[in-house]
PDB file of N, CA and C in Angstrom:
ATOM      1  N   MET A   1     154.832  66.876 161.765  1.00  0.00           N
ATOM      2  CA  MET A   1     155.531  66.601 160.525  1.00  0.00           C
ATOM      3  C   MET A   1     154.914  67.401 159.378  1.00  0.00           C
ATOM      4  N   ALA A   2     155.762  67.992 158.592  1.00  0.00           N
ATOM      5  CA  ALA A   2     155.316  68.730 157.408  1.00  0.00           C
ATOM      6  C   ALA A   2     155.426  67.813 156.194  1.00  0.00           C
ATOM      7  N   ARG A   3     154.607  68.106 155.192  1.00  0.00           N
ATOM      8  CA  ARG A   3     154.594  67.286 153.981  1.00  0.00           C
ATOM      9  C   ARG A   3     154.408  68.205 152.777  1.00  0.00           C
ATOM     10  N   ARG A   4     155.206  67.963 151.720  1.00  0.00           N
ATOM     11  CA  ARG A   4     155.057  68.740 150.482  1.00  0.00           C
ATOM     12  C   ARG A   4     155.173  67.808 149.296  1.00  0.00           C
ATOM     13  N   ARG A   5     154.343  68.059 148.297  1.00  0.00           N
ATOM     14  CA  ARG A   5     154.430  67.352 147.019  1.00  0.00           C
ATOM     15  C   ARG A   5     155.205  68.240 146.059  1.00  0.00           C
ATOM     16  N   VAL A   6     156.218  67.662 145.431  1.00  0.00           N
ATOM     17  CA  VAL A   6     157.068  68.450 144.547  1.00  0.00           C
ATOM     18  C   VAL A   6     157.364  67.708 143.251  1.00  0.00           C
ATOM     19  N   HIS A   7     157.633  68.495 142.226  1.00  0.00           N
ATOM     20  CA  HIS A   7     158.105  67.984 140.946  1.00  0.00           C
ATOM     21  C   HIS A   7     159.572  68.376 140.863  1.00  0.00           C
ATOM     22  N   LEU A   8     160.455  67.401 140.702  1.00  0.00           N
ATOM     23  CA  LEU A   8     161.882  67.650 140.631  1.00  0.00           C
ATOM     24  C   LEU A   8     162.384  67.321 139.234  1.00  0.00           C
ATOM     25  N   SER A   9     163.112  68.245 138.620  1.00  0.00           N
ATOM     26  CA  SER A   9     163.714  68.017 137.312  1.00  0.00           C
ATOM     27  C   SER A   9     165.226  68.026 137.472  1.00  0.00           C
ATOM     28  N   PHE A  10     165.872  66.994 136.933  1.00  0.00           N
ATOM     29  CA  PHE A  10     167.307  66.823 137.056  1.00  0.00           C
ATOM     30  C   PHE A  10     167.972  66.939 135.685  1.00  0.00           C
ATOM     31  N   PRO A  11     168.738  67.999 135.444  1.00  0.00           N
ATOM     32  CA  PRO A  11     169.492  68.066 134.198  1.00  0.00           C
ATOM     33  C   PRO A  11     170.449  66.876 134.105  1.00  0.00           C
ATOM     34  N   GLY A  12     170.780  66.477 132.889  1.00  0.00           N
ATOM     35  CA  GLY A  12     171.610  65.297 132.656  1.00  0.00           C
ATOM     36  C   GLY A  12     172.894  65.238 133.452  1.00  0.00           C
ATOM     37  N   LYS A  13     173.520  66.391 133.723  1.00  0.00           N
ATOM     38  CA  LYS A  13     174.779  66.393 134.468  1.00  0.00           C
ATOM     39  C   LYS A  13     174.611  65.869 135.895  1.00  0.00           C
ATOM     40  N   LEU A  14     173.375  65.847 136.401  1.00  0.00           N
ATOM     41  CA  LEU A  14     173.116  65.387 137.767  1.00  0.00           C
ATOM     42  C   LEU A  14     172.672  63.926 137.834  1.00  0.00           C
ATOM     43  N   LYS A  15     172.561  63.259 136.689  1.00  0.00           N
ATOM     44  CA  LYS A  15     171.958  61.929 136.651  1.00  0.00           C
ATOM     45  C   LYS A  15     172.691  60.882 137.490  1.00  0.00           C
ATOM     46  N   ASP A  16     173.976  61.047 137.712  1.00  0.00           N
ATOM     47  CA  ASP A  16     174.738  60.062 138.472  1.00  0.00           C
ATOM     48  C   ASP A  16     174.965  60.474 139.927  1.00  0.00           C
ATOM     49  N   GLU A  17     174.380  61.586 140.328  1.00  0.00           N
ATOM     50  CA  GLU A  17     174.554  62.063 141.700  1.00  0.00           C
ATOM     51  C   GLU A  17     173.453  61.497 142.612  1.00  0.00           C
ATOM     52  N   PRO A  18     173.803  61.039 143.801  1.00  0.00           N
ATOM     53  CA  PRO A  18     172.795  60.494 144.732  1.00  0.00           C
ATOM     54  C   PRO A  18     172.103  61.598 145.532  1.00  0.00           C
ATOM     55  N   LEU A  19     171.495  62.540 144.824  1.00  0.00           N
ATOM     56  CA  LEU A  19     170.940  63.723 145.484  1.00  0.00           C
ATOM     57  C   LEU A  19     169.783  63.412 146.418  1.00  0.00           C
ATOM     58  N   LEU A  20     168.916  62.487 146.057  1.00  0.00           N
ATOM     59  CA  LEU A  20     167.794  62.160 146.950  1.00  0.00           C
ATOM     60  C   LEU A  20     168.301  61.530 148.238  1.00  0.00           C
ATOM     61  N   TRP A  21     169.233  60.626 148.112  1.00  0.00           N
ATOM     62  CA  TRP A  21     169.803  59.991 149.306  1.00  0.00           C
ATOM     63  C   TRP A  21     170.480  61.032 150.186  1.00  0.00           C
ATOM     64  N   GLN A  22     171.278  61.914 149.561  1.00  0.00           N
ATOM     65  CA  GLN A  22     171.965  62.953 150.329  1.00  0.00           C
ATOM     66  C   GLN A  22     170.973  63.865 151.043  1.00  0.00           C
ATOM     67  N   THR A  23     169.897  64.207 150.374  1.00  0.00           N
ATOM     68  CA  THR A  23     168.884  65.073 150.983  1.00  0.00           C
ATOM     69  C   THR A  23     168.248  64.390 152.186  1.00  0.00           C
ATOM     70  N   CYS A  24     167.906  63.121 152.025  1.00  0.00           N
ATOM     71  CA  CYS A  24     167.308  62.366 153.144  1.00  0.00           C
ATOM     72  C   CYS A  24     168.263  62.292 154.325  1.00  0.00           C
ATOM     73  N   GLU A  25     169.524  62.019 154.048  1.00  0.00           N
ATOM     74  CA  GLU A  25     170.515  61.889 155.119  1.00  0.00           C
ATOM     75  C   GLU A  25     170.794  63.220 155.812  1.00  0.00           C
ATOM     76  N   GLN A  26     171.017  64.268 155.040  1.00  0.00           N
ATOM     77  CA  GLN A  26     171.409  65.562 155.610  1.00  0.00           C
ATOM     78  C   GLN A  26     170.279  66.262 156.344  1.00  0.00           C
ATOM     79  N   PHE A  27     169.040  66.081 155.865  1.00  0.00           N
ATOM     80  CA  PHE A  27     167.927  66.854 156.403  1.00  0.00           C
ATOM     81  C   PHE A  27     166.866  65.986 157.069  1.00  0.00           C
ATOM     82  N   ASP A  28     167.155  64.701 157.231  1.00  0.00           N
ATOM     83  CA  ASP A  28     166.260  63.760 157.911  1.00  0.00           C
ATOM     84  C   ASP A  28     164.854  63.807 157.303  1.00  0.00           C
ATOM     85  N   LEU A  29     164.795  63.677 155.978  1.00  0.00           N
ATOM     86  CA  LEU A  29     163.519  63.694 155.261  1.00  0.00           C
ATOM     87  C   LEU A  29     163.202  62.310 154.715  1.00  0.00           C
ATOM     88  N   VAL A  30     161.925  62.097 154.457  1.00  0.00           N
ATOM     89  CA  VAL A  30     161.458  60.858 153.846  1.00  0.00           C
ATOM     90  C   VAL A  30     160.874  61.218 152.483  1.00  0.00           C
ATOM     91  N   PHE A  31     161.292  60.482 151.449  1.00  0.00           N
ATOM     92  CA  PHE A  31     160.767  60.678 150.095  1.00  0.00           C
ATOM     93  C   PHE A  31     159.836  59.534 149.759  1.00  0.00           C
ATOM     94  N   ASN A  32     158.700  59.865 149.185  1.00  0.00           N
ATOM     95  CA  ASN A  32     157.798  58.878 148.611  1.00  0.00           C
ATOM     96  C   ASN A  32     157.698  59.237 147.131  1.00  0.00           C
ATOM     97  N   ILE A  33     158.401  58.490 146.285  1.00  0.00           N
ATOM     98  CA  ILE A  33     158.412  58.771 144.858  1.00  0.00           C
ATOM     99  C   ILE A  33     157.125  58.253 144.251  1.00  0.00           C
ATOM    100  N   ARG A  34     156.373  59.149 143.591  1.00  0.00           N
ATOM    101  CA  ARG A  34     155.080  58.789 143.021  1.00  0.00           C
ATOM    102  C   ARG A  34     155.165  58.459 141.541  1.00  0.00           C
ATOM    103  N   ARG A  35     155.999  59.186 140.801  1.00  0.00           N
ATOM    104  CA  ARG A  35     156.237  58.935 139.380  1.00  0.00           C
ATOM    105  C   ARG A  35     157.626  59.441 139.042  1.00  0.00           C
ATOM    106  N   ALA A  36     158.236  58.829 138.020  1.00  0.00           N
ATOM    107  CA  ALA A  36     159.563  59.267 137.600  1.00  0.00           C
ATOM    108  C   ALA A  36     159.835  58.804 136.182  1.00  0.00           C
ATOM    109  N   ASP A  37     160.763  59.502 135.537  1.00  0.00           N
ATOM    110  CA  ASP A  37     161.173  59.122 134.194  1.00  0.00           C
ATOM    111  C   ASP A  37     162.531  59.754 133.917  1.00  0.00           C
ATOM    112  N   TYR A  38     163.270  59.127 133.027  1.00  0.00           N
ATOM    113  CA  TYR A  38     164.540  59.685 132.586  1.00  0.00           C
ATOM    114  C   TYR A  38     164.647  59.505 131.084  1.00  0.00           C
ATOM    115  N   THR A  39     164.894  60.585 130.401  1.00  0.00           N
ATOM    116  CA  THR A  39     165.161  60.541 128.971  1.00  0.00           C
ATOM    117  C   THR A  39     166.517  61.176 128.765  1.00  0.00           C
ATOM    118  N   GLU A  40     167.028  61.067 127.570  1.00  0.00           N
ATOM    119  CA  GLU A  40     168.346  61.616 127.273  1.00  0.00           C
ATOM    120  C   GLU A  40     168.442  63.078 127.700  1.00  0.00           C
ATOM    121  N   GLY A  41     169.300  63.345 128.646  1.00  0.00           N
ATOM    122  CA  GLY A  41     169.556  64.723 129.047  1.00  0.00           C
ATOM    123  C   GLY A  41     168.709  65.276 130.170  1.00  0.00           C
ATOM    124  N   MET A  42     167.619  64.606 130.562  1.00  0.00           N
ATOM    125  CA  MET A  42     166.769  65.158 131.625  1.00  0.00           C
ATOM    126  C   MET A  42     166.001  64.051 132.336  1.00  0.00           C
ATOM    127  N   GLY A  43     166.015  64.106 133.647  1.00  0.00           N
ATOM    128  CA  GLY A  43     165.213  63.201 134.449  1.00  0.00           C
ATOM    129  C   GLY A  43     164.256  64.020 135.291  1.00  0.00           C
ATOM    130  N   TRP A  44     163.134  63.434 135.660  1.00  0.00           N
ATOM    131  CA  TRP A  44     162.197  64.122 136.534  1.00  0.00           C
ATOM    132  C   TRP A  44     161.529  63.113 137.448  1.00  0.00           C
ATOM    133  N   LEU A  45     161.025  63.616 138.550  1.00  0.00           N
ATOM    134  CA  LEU A  45     160.209  62.778 139.412  1.00  0.00           C
ATOM    135  C   LEU A  45     159.231  63.633 140.182  1.00  0.00           C
ATOM    136  N   MET A  46     158.124  63.000 140.523  1.00  0.00           N
ATOM    137  CA  MET A  46     157.122  63.616 141.379  1.00  0.00           C
ATOM    138  C   MET A  46     157.188  62.862 142.697  1.00  0.00           C
ATOM    139  N   ALA A  47     157.335  63.606 143.770  1.00  0.00           N
ATOM    140  CA  ALA A  47     157.527  62.967 145.060  1.00  0.00           C
ATOM    141  C   ALA A  47     156.818  63.733 146.159  1.00  0.00           C
ATOM    142  N   GLU A  48     156.580  63.025 147.245  1.00  0.00           N
ATOM    143  CA  GLU A  48     156.076  63.641 148.461  1.00  0.00           C
ATOM    144  C   GLU A  48     157.225  63.598 149.456  1.00  0.00           C
ATOM    145  N   LEU A  49     157.566  64.750 150.011  1.00  0.00           N
ATOM    146  CA  LEU A  49     158.622  64.840 151.012  1.00  0.00           C
ATOM    147  C   LEU A  49     157.983  65.058 152.367  1.00  0.00           C
ATOM    148  N   GLU A  50     158.543  64.432 153.372  1.00  0.00           N
ATOM    149  CA  GLU A  50     157.982  64.557 154.724  1.00  0.00           C
ATOM    150  C   GLU A  50     159.102  64.706 155.728  1.00  0.00           C
ATOM    151  N   GLY A  51     158.889  65.580 156.703  1.00  0.00           N
ATOM    152  CA  GLY A  51     159.871  65.783 157.766  1.00  0.00           C
ATOM    153  C   GLY A  51     159.560  67.052 158.527  1.00  0.00           C
ATOM    154  N   ASP A  52     160.485  67.453 159.377  1.00  0.00           N
ATOM    155  CA  ASP A  52     160.373  68.694 160.115  1.00  0.00           C
ATOM    156  C   ASP A  52     160.254  69.850 159.118  1.00  0.00           C
ATOM    157  N   ALA A  53     159.347  70.796 159.367  1.00  0.00           N
ATOM    158  CA  ALA A  53     159.068  71.877 158.417  1.00  0.00           C
ATOM    159  C   ALA A  53     160.325  72.671 158.053  1.00  0.00           C
ATOM    160  N   GLU A  54     161.132  73.007 159.040  1.00  0.00           N
ATOM    161  CA  GLU A  54     162.350  73.782 158.777  1.00  0.00           C
ATOM    162  C   GLU A  54     163.346  72.963 157.953  1.00  0.00           C
ATOM    163  N   GLN A  55     163.512  71.696 158.296  1.00  0.00           N
ATOM    164  CA  GLN A  55     164.427  70.830 157.556  1.00  0.00           C
ATOM    165  C   GLN A  55     163.920  70.596 156.133  1.00  0.00           C
ATOM    166  N   LEU A  56     162.624  70.523 155.985  1.00  0.00           N
ATOM    167  CA  LEU A  56     162.032  70.342 154.663  1.00  0.00           C
ATOM    168  C   LEU A  56     162.379  71.528 153.761  1.00  0.00           C
ATOM    169  N   GLU A  57     162.233  72.725 154.269  1.00  0.00           N
ATOM    170  CA  GLU A  57     162.579  73.920 153.488  1.00  0.00           C
ATOM    171  C   GLU A  57     164.074  73.955 153.176  1.00  0.00           C
ATOM    172  N   LYS A  58     164.894  73.609 154.143  1.00  0.00           N
ATOM    173  CA  LYS A  58     166.341  73.583 153.919  1.00  0.00           C
ATOM    174  C   LYS A  58     166.717  72.540 152.870  1.00  0.00           C
ATOM    175  N   GLY A  59     166.077  71.391 152.928  1.00  0.00           N
ATOM    176  CA  GLY A  59     166.357  70.328 151.959  1.00  0.00           C
ATOM    177  C   GLY A  59     165.993  70.740 150.543  1.00  0.00           C
ATOM    178  N   ILE A  60     164.847  71.392 150.395  1.00  0.00           N
ATOM    179  CA  ILE A  60     164.417  71.858 149.071  1.00  0.00           C
ATOM    180  C   ILE A  60     165.379  72.930 148.553  1.00  0.00           C
ATOM    181  N   ARG A  61     165.770  73.846 149.409  1.00  0.00           N
ATOM    182  CA  ARG A  61     166.741  74.871 149.017  1.00  0.00           C
ATOM    183  C   ARG A  61     168.061  74.244 148.584  1.00  0.00           C
ATOM    184  N   TRP A  62     168.513  73.231 149.335  1.00  0.00           N
ATOM    185  CA  TRP A  62     169.765  72.552 149.008  1.00  0.00           C
ATOM    186  C   TRP A  62     169.672  71.882 147.637  1.00  0.00           C
ATOM    187  N   LEU A  63     168.546  71.219 147.351  1.00  0.00           N
ATOM    188  CA  LEU A  63     168.368  70.606 146.033  1.00  0.00           C
ATOM    189  C   LEU A  63     168.465  71.663 144.931  1.00  0.00           C
ATOM    190  N   GLU A  64     167.834  72.800 145.140  1.00  0.00           N
ATOM    191  CA  GLU A  64     167.902  73.879 144.149  1.00  0.00           C
ATOM    192  C   GLU A  64     169.337  74.371 143.969  1.00  0.00           C
ATOM    193  N   GLU A  65     170.080  74.464 145.059  1.00  0.00           N
ATOM    194  CA  GLU A  65     171.482  74.890 144.975  1.00  0.00           C
ATOM    195  C   GLU A  65     172.329  73.895 144.179  1.00  0.00           C
ATOM    196  N   GLN A  66     171.933  72.634 144.169  1.00  0.00           N
ATOM    197  CA  GLN A  66     172.664  71.609 143.423  1.00  0.00           C
ATOM    198  C   GLN A  66     172.319  71.631 141.936  1.00  0.00           C
ATOM    199  N   GLY A  67     171.291  72.400 141.553  1.00  0.00           N
ATOM    200  CA  GLY A  67     170.893  72.490 140.155  1.00  0.00           C
ATOM    201  C   GLY A  67     169.588  71.795 139.822  1.00  0.00           C
ATOM    202  N   VAL A  68     168.904  71.252 140.840  1.00  0.00           N
ATOM    203  CA  VAL A  68     167.613  70.607 140.631  1.00  0.00           C
ATOM    204  C   VAL A  68     166.540  71.688 140.526  1.00  0.00           C
ATOM    205  N   ILE A  69     165.643  71.533 139.562  1.00  0.00           N
ATOM    206  CA  ILE A  69     164.523  72.464 139.407  1.00  0.00           C
ATOM    207  C   ILE A  69     163.363  71.899 140.229  1.00  0.00           C
ATOM    208  N   VAL A  70     162.901  72.662 141.214  1.00  0.00           N
ATOM    209  CA  VAL A  70     161.865  72.203 142.141  1.00  0.00           C
ATOM    210  C   VAL A  70     160.600  73.022 141.930  1.00  0.00           C
ATOM    211  N   GLY A  71     159.476  72.326 141.729  1.00  0.00           N
ATOM    212  CA  GLY A  71     158.193  72.986 141.588  1.00  0.00           C
ATOM    213  C   GLY A  71     157.152  72.301 142.435  1.00  0.00           C
ATOM    214  N   PRO A  72     156.116  73.012 142.853  1.00  0.00           N
ATOM    215  CA  PRO A  72     155.057  72.411 143.681  1.00  0.00           C
ATOM    216  C   PRO A  72     154.109  71.562 142.842  1.00  0.00           C
ATOM    217  N   ILE A  73     153.463  70.611 143.487  1.00  0.00           N
ATOM    218  CA  ILE A  73     152.389  69.824 142.884  1.00  0.00           C
ATOM    219  C   ILE A  73     151.163  70.078 143.744  1.00  0.00           C
ATOM    220  N   GLU A  74     150.093  70.487 143.128  1.00  0.00           N
ATOM    221  CA  GLU A  74     148.880  70.848 143.861  1.00  0.00           C
ATOM    222  C   GLU A  74     147.864  69.725 143.969  1.00  0.00           C
ATOM    223  N   GLN A  75     148.033  68.652 143.198  1.00  0.00           N
ATOM    224  CA  GLN A  75     147.051  67.562 143.208  1.00  0.00           C
ATOM    225  C   GLN A  75     147.753  66.227 143.345  1.00  0.00           C
ATOM    226  N   ASP A  76     146.980  65.185 143.583  1.00  0.00           N
ATOM    227  CA  ASP A  76     147.537  63.843 143.692  1.00  0.00           C
ATOM    228  C   ASP A  76     148.091  63.418 142.337  1.00  0.00           C
ATOM    229  N   VAL A  77     149.238  62.725 142.341  1.00  0.00           N
ATOM    230  CA  VAL A  77     149.894  62.359 141.090  1.00  0.00           C
ATOM    231  C   VAL A  77     149.745  60.885 140.748  1.00  0.00           C
ATOM    232  N   VAL A  78     149.011  60.143 141.544  1.00  0.00           N
ATOM    233  CA  VAL A  78     148.770  58.729 141.254  1.00  0.00           C
ATOM    234  C   VAL A  78     147.310  58.559 140.914  1.00  0.00           C
ATOM    235  N   HIS A  79     147.046  58.005 139.752  1.00  0.00           N
ATOM    236  CA  HIS A  79     145.654  57.825 139.302  1.00  0.00           C
ATOM    237  C   HIS A  79     145.331  56.356 139.266  1.00  0.00           C
TER     238      HIS A  79
END
């Protein structure tokens, strides 16, 4: 199993879309949400994704294609 920590930013137009659920279903991934927030016009979350390495890459690419901004997290996000 591969694991990646990512920071996901969701522009306001995506706030009502079930993108995390769709990603889990389509690519057989598990999300562990570590932190999240939503303010007017932008939501973000820090999460750990786990699954098959190839599916993990495909899932991240799919999120980017939907308009989600995906960035890596190099350290633990829970203090």
